[in-house]
Amino acid sequence: MGRMAVIVLCWCALSLAACSGKGAQELFETAQFEEKQNNLEHARKLYEEIIAKHPQSELVTKAKERLNALPAK
């Protein structure tokens, strides 16, 4: 029984480690929410984070479009 508990704990730890970062979709949704709340600086940072951390995501194009649509700083 003790060995099984260790295996389960290791599996849980590895699963949580893999999910620790925010994905591109979550960042994009948060950025859209921030735009709606008129928190444009935070939205800008989130769009930039998508571009920097998720360059292969299909959301990079949309993030760049939203950045270009935001008023200048």
Protein backbone atom coordinates (compact mmCIF):
# COMPACT_ATOMS: atom_id res chain seq x y z
CA MET A 1 0.00 0.00 0.00
CA GLY A 2 2.84 2.43 0.78
CA ARG A 3 4.41 1.95 -2.64
CA MET A 4 1.11 2.70 -4.34
CA ALA A 5 0.75 5.93 -2.34
CA VAL A 6 4.21 7.05 -3.46
CA ILE A 7 3.35 6.31 -7.09
CA VAL A 8 0.10 8.28 -6.82
CA LEU A 9 1.86 11.23 -5.17
CA CYS A 10 4.55 11.29 -7.86
CA TRP A 11 1.92 11.17 -10.59
CA CYS A 12 0.01 14.05 -8.99
CA ALA A 13 3.16 16.14 -8.62
CA LEU A 14 4.12 15.60 -12.26
CA SER A 15 0.60 16.41 -13.43
CA LEU A 16 0.53 19.67 -11.48
CA ALA A 17 3.98 20.67 -12.72
CA ALA A 18 2.87 20.23 -16.32
CA CYS A 19 -0.17 22.49 -15.80
CA SER A 20 1.52 25.24 -13.81
CA GLY A 21 1.85 27.82 -16.60
CA LYS A 22 -1.00 29.69 -18.20
CA GLY A 23 -1.74 28.55 -21.72
CA ALA A 24 -2.20 30.86 -24.67
CA GLN A 25 -5.99 30.45 -24.61
CA GLU A 26 -6.25 31.41 -20.95
CA LEU A 27 -3.98 34.40 -21.46
CA PHE A 28 -5.97 35.55 -24.48
CA GLU A 29 -9.28 35.27 -22.63
CA THR A 30 -7.86 37.20 -19.69
CA ALA A 31 -6.51 39.89 -22.02
CA GLN A 32 -9.92 40.25 -23.65
CA PHE A 33 -11.51 40.60 -20.21
CA GLU A 34 -8.95 43.24 -19.25
CA GLU A 35 -9.76 45.16 -22.43
CA LYS A 36 -13.45 45.12 -21.55
CA GLN A 37 -12.57 46.43 -18.09
CA ASN A 38 -10.55 49.21 -19.76
CA ASN A 39 -7.35 47.91 -18.18
CA LEU A 40 -5.47 48.31 -21.44
CA GLU A 41 -1.95 48.20 -20.04
CA HIS A 42 -2.54 44.77 -18.48
CA ALA A 43 -4.22 43.54 -21.66
CA ARG A 44 -1.20 44.73 -23.65
CA LYS A 45 1.18 42.80 -21.37
CA LEU A 46 -0.90 39.64 -21.70
CA TYR A 47 -0.97 39.84 -25.50
CA GLU A 48 2.80 40.37 -25.48
CA GLU A 49 3.19 37.35 -23.21
CA ILE A 50 1.25 35.19 -25.67
CA ILE A 51 3.57 36.27 -28.48
CA ALA A 52 6.71 35.70 -26.42
CA LYS A 53 5.83 32.46 -24.64
CA HIS A 54 3.57 30.75 -27.17
CA PRO A 55 5.03 31.61 -30.59
CA GLN A 56 3.56 28.48 -32.19
CA SER A 57 0.02 29.20 -31.02
CA GLU A 58 -2.68 30.08 -33.50
CA LEU A 59 -3.56 32.92 -31.11
CA VAL A 60 -0.35 34.84 -31.87
CA THR A 61 -1.94 36.42 -34.94
CA LYS A 62 -5.00 37.48 -32.94
CA ALA A 63 -2.82 38.80 -30.12
CA LYS A 64 -0.84 40.91 -32.60
CA GLU A 65 -4.09 42.22 -34.11
CA ARG A 66 -5.39 43.18 -30.68
CA LEU A 67 -2.09 44.88 -29.79
CA ASN A 68 -2.30 46.94 -32.96
CA ALA A 69 -5.89 47.87 -32.18
CA LEU A 70 -5.08 49.16 -28.69
CA PRO A 71 -4.50 52.90 -28.33
CA ALA A 72 -0.88 53.98 -28.05
CA LYS A 73 0.57 54.15 -24.55
